């Protein structure tokens, strides 16, 4: 499985909206996994001054990550393979 970063522009979003988006990403990933489609939401980083959010997912393919975000109703500008360098 690979790591994918999802870029999002979220102008006007507040803390409650961020929590809702994260919950949607987690729950949709769990539904996909339960259906036999391996994907896991890892975490998000939000830059308030830019209304920019970057979310990491572990998945078997970029298409699976795209489908999770589309089904969850989460906007994104791109999805790219990434390396998570957390120690």
Protein backbone atom coordinates (compact mmCIF):
# COMPACT_ATOMS: atom_id res chain seq x y z
CA UNK A 1 0.00 0.00 0.00
CA UNK A 2 1.11 3.55 -0.73
CA UNK A 3 0.60 6.91 0.95
CA UNK A 4 -1.35 9.61 -0.88
CA UNK A 5 -1.72 13.28 -0.04
CA UNK A 6 -4.99 15.03 -0.82
CA UNK A 7 -4.74 18.82 -1.23
CA UNK A 8 -7.81 20.86 -0.39
CA UNK A 9 -8.67 24.54 -0.55
CA UNK A 10 -11.32 25.21 2.09
CA UNK A 11 -12.07 28.95 2.16
CA UNK A 12 -14.39 29.99 4.98
CA UNK A 13 -14.26 26.68 6.84
CA UNK A 14 -14.39 26.83 10.64
CA UNK A 15 -13.31 24.35 13.34
CA UNK A 16 -16.68 22.59 13.26
CA UNK A 17 -16.47 22.23 9.48
CA UNK A 18 -12.96 20.78 9.75
CA UNK A 19 -14.14 18.26 12.33
CA UNK A 20 -17.04 17.26 10.08
CA UNK A 21 -14.75 16.83 7.08
CA UNK A 22 -12.34 14.70 9.08
CA UNK A 23 -15.20 12.56 10.38
CA UNK A 24 -16.49 12.07 6.83
CA UNK A 25 -13.03 11.00 5.62
CA UNK A 26 -12.63 8.52 8.48
CA UNK A 27 -16.12 7.02 8.21
CA UNK A 28 -16.01 6.72 4.42
CA UNK A 29 -12.58 5.08 4.58
CA UNK A 30 -13.92 2.60 7.13
CA UNK A 31 -16.88 1.73 4.88
CA UNK A 32 -14.55 1.13 1.93
CA UNK A 33 -12.30 -1.06 4.09
CA UNK A 34 -15.30 -3.06 5.35
CA UNK A 35 -16.26 -3.63 1.70
CA UNK A 36 -12.81 -5.08 0.97
CA UNK A 37 -11.24 -1.94 -0.53
CA UNK A 38 -8.11 -1.21 1.50
CA UNK A 39 -7.84 2.45 2.44
CA UNK A 40 -7.04 4.23 5.70
CA UNK A 41 -7.28 7.89 6.64
CA UNK A 42 -4.06 8.84 8.47
CA UNK A 43 -4.29 12.52 9.41
CA UNK A 44 -4.76 16.09 8.21
CA UNK A 45 -2.83 19.34 8.51
CA UNK A 46 -4.69 22.63 8.08
CA UNK A 47 -3.04 26.00 7.35
CA UNK A 48 -5.60 28.59 8.55
CA UNK A 49 -3.95 31.63 6.91
CA UNK A 50 -4.24 29.95 3.50
CA UNK A 51 -7.43 27.91 4.06
CA UNK A 52 -5.37 24.99 2.80
CA UNK A 53 -5.61 21.42 4.07
CA UNK A 54 -3.45 18.40 3.34
CA UNK A 55 -4.77 14.96 4.21
CA UNK A 56 -2.85 11.69 4.17
CA UNK A 57 -4.37 8.35 3.24
CA UNK A 58 -2.88 4.90 2.92
CA UNK A 59 -4.44 2.97 0.06
CA UNK A 60 -3.91 0.42 -2.67
CA UNK A 61 -4.40 3.07 -5.38
CA UNK A 62 -4.86 6.76 -6.06
CA UNK A 63 -8.26 5.96 -7.59
CA UNK A 64 -9.46 4.50 -4.29
CA UNK A 65 -8.46 7.68 -2.46
CA UNK A 66 -10.26 9.76 -5.08
CA UNK A 67 -13.42 7.65 -4.71
CA UNK A 68 -13.35 7.94 -0.91
CA UNK A 69 -13.14 11.73 -1.10
CA UNK A 70 -15.81 12.00 -3.78
CA UNK A 71 -18.20 9.75 -1.84
CA UNK A 72 -17.52 11.70 1.36
CA UNK A 73 -18.34 14.93 -0.50
CA UNK A 74 -14.94 16.43 0.25
CA UNK A 75 -13.47 18.88 -2.28
CA UNK A 76 -9.89 18.47 -3.44
CA UNK A 77 -7.54 20.05 -5.94
CA UNK A 78 -5.20 17.09 -6.39
CA UNK A 79 -4.19 13.70 -5.09
CA UNK A 80 -0.53 12.70 -5.29
CA UNK A 81 1.59 9.85 -4.01
CA UNK A 82 3.64 11.02 -1.03
CA UNK A 83 6.13 9.85 1.58
CA UNK A 84 5.14 10.17 5.24
CA UNK A 85 8.34 10.92 7.15
CA UNK A 86 6.89 10.88 10.67
CA UNK A 87 9.54 9.49 13.05
